Amino acid sequence: QVQLVESGGGLAQPGGSLQLSCEISGTIFGLNALGWYRRVPGKERERVATITPTGITAYVDSVKGRFTISRANAKTIYLQMDSLEAEDTAVYYCWALSAQTYWGQGTQVTVSS
C-alpha cells in the first residue's frame, strides 16, 4: 500500500523559510511525477510545484524564484520555501501521479508576523 507522509510545516515569519519533506512508502509503478499542492480554505486546490523522474521541474508563477522542489531519491521529495509571504499560508499536500493519484494527509504552513 502506498502512503505519502509530509513533514516540516509550521509557522514562519514573512520573508522566512521552511522546508517540507515527503516520504513515500510502498511502490508506485509507472510514476509520472511527484509534487506539491496547497489549499486555502474556500479556494480551489492549487498545484505548487512538480518534478518528473528525470528531474524536470515546474512551478506555479506565484512561487517561481522562491520555492524549490527536489528529490533525495525515489522515495523522498522536498519543497524548500524561501521569502515566504502571507499568501503562502495553506495546507500543503504531497502528490504522486501514476495510473492513479496519491495524496498525503497534508501539513499546515502559516506565514504570519
Protein backbone atom coordinates (compact mmCIF):
# COMPACT_ATOMS: atom_id res chain seq x y z
CA GLN A 1 0.00 0.00 0.00
CA VAL A 2 1.36 3.40 -0.98
CA GLN A 3 1.48 6.14 1.62
CA LEU A 4 2.77 9.70 1.37
CA VAL A 5 3.69 11.40 4.63
CA GLU A 6 4.53 15.10 4.80
CA SER A 7 6.52 16.85 7.49
CA GLY A 8 8.15 20.22 8.08
CA GLY A 9 5.17 22.54 8.16
CA GLY A 10 4.71 25.15 10.83
CA LEU A 11 4.84 28.86 11.50
CA ALA A 12 7.21 31.23 9.73
CA GLN A 13 7.53 34.99 9.57
CA PRO A 14 7.16 36.86 6.28
CA GLY A 15 10.49 36.64 4.48
CA GLY A 16 11.39 33.47 6.33
CA SER A 17 11.93 29.91 5.15
CA LEU A 18 10.53 26.44 5.69
CA GLN A 19 11.35 23.10 4.14
CA LEU A 20 8.68 20.46 3.60
CA SER A 21 9.54 16.79 3.21
CA CYS A 22 7.51 13.93 1.79
CA GLU A 23 8.38 10.32 2.44
CA ILE A 24 6.80 7.71 0.19
CA SER A 25 6.27 4.16 1.39
CA GLY A 26 5.28 1.33 -0.88
CA THR A 27 5.96 1.09 -4.59
CA ILE A 28 4.43 3.33 -7.23
CA PHE A 29 4.53 1.65 -10.61
CA GLY A 30 4.72 3.82 -13.68
CA LEU A 31 5.43 7.03 -11.80
CA ASN A 32 4.88 10.10 -13.94
CA ALA A 33 5.52 12.91 -11.48
CA LEU A 34 5.77 13.94 -7.85
CA GLY A 35 4.91 17.28 -6.41
CA TRP A 36 3.21 19.62 -4.01
CA TYR A 37 -0.25 21.14 -3.96
CA ARG A 38 -1.73 23.58 -1.49
CA ARG A 39 -5.21 24.51 -0.40
CA VAL A 40 -6.51 27.61 1.30
CA PRO A 41 -9.96 27.28 2.92
CA GLY A 42 -12.63 28.41 0.49
CA LYS A 43 -10.35 28.19 -2.55
CA GLU A 44 -9.50 25.59 -5.15
CA ARG A 45 -6.53 23.34 -4.56
CA GLU A 46 -3.51 24.76 -6.36
CA ARG A 47 -0.59 22.88 -7.86
CA VAL A 48 2.57 24.49 -6.49
CA ALA A 49 5.49 22.50 -7.89
CA THR A 50 6.14 19.23 -9.68
CA ILE A 51 9.16 17.12 -10.56
CA THR A 52 9.39 14.25 -13.03
CA PRO A 53 11.50 11.10 -12.61
CA THR A 54 14.03 12.71 -14.97
CA GLY A 55 14.23 15.83 -12.80
CA ILE A 56 12.20 18.26 -14.86
CA THR A 57 10.56 20.79 -12.55
CA ALA A 58 7.64 23.16 -12.91
CA TYR A 59 6.21 25.85 -10.64
CA VAL A 60 3.14 27.98 -10.35
CA ASP A 61 4.02 31.57 -11.22
CA SER A 62 3.42 32.88 -7.71
CA VAL A 63 6.27 30.80 -6.23
CA LYS A 64 8.84 30.94 -9.03
CA GLY A 65 12.18 32.11 -7.71
CA ARG A 66 11.12 31.49 -4.11
CA PHE A 67 10.31 27.77 -3.89
CA THR A 68 12.46 24.84 -4.99
CA ILE A 69 11.32 21.26 -5.40
CA SER A 70 13.90 18.49 -5.25
CA ARG A 71 14.29 14.74 -4.82
CA ALA A 72 16.67 12.96 -2.49
CA ASN A 73 15.81 9.60 -4.05
CA ALA A 74 12.80 7.75 -5.43
CA LYS A 75 11.08 7.87 -2.05
CA THR A 76 11.72 11.39 -0.75
CA ILE A 77 10.97 14.84 -2.12
CA TYR A 78 11.35 18.27 -0.64
CA LEU A 79 9.91 21.72 -1.06
CA GLN A 80 12.26 24.47 0.02
CA MET A 81 10.23 27.61 0.59
CA ASP A 82 12.10 30.90 0.89
CA SER A 83 10.96 34.52 1.01
CA LEU A 84 7.65 33.34 2.40
CA GLU A 85 4.64 35.57 2.09
CA ALA A 86 1.36 35.64 3.99
CA GLU A 87 -0.33 34.42 0.80
CA ASP A 88 1.64 31.17 1.08
CA THR A 89 -0.37 30.21 4.14
CA ALA A 90 -2.16 26.96 3.28
CA VAL A 91 -2.25 23.24 3.87
CA TYR A 92 0.40 21.68 1.66
CA TYR A 93 -0.10 18.21 0.20
CA CYS A 94 2.41 15.83 -1.27
CA TRP A 95 1.22 14.27 -4.53
CA ALA A 96 2.26 11.41 -6.78
CA LEU A 97 0.90 10.62 -10.21
CA SER A 98 0.97 7.28 -11.98
CA ALA A 99 -2.02 5.40 -13.34
CA GLN A 100 -3.70 6.75 -10.22
CA THR A 101 -3.15 9.73 -7.98
CA TYR A 102 -1.81 9.51 -4.46
CA TRP A 103 -2.07 12.18 -1.77
CA GLY A 104 -0.52 12.79 1.60
CA GLN A 105 -2.52 13.91 4.59
CA GLY A 106 -1.29 17.50 4.39
CA THR A 107 0.81 19.76 6.56
CA GLN A 108 -0.13 23.28 7.66
CA VAL A 109 2.10 26.19 6.71
CA THR A 110 1.31 29.52 8.33
CA VAL A 111 3.17 32.71 7.42
CA SER A 112 2.50 35.45 9.90
CA SER A 113 4.31 38.07 11.95
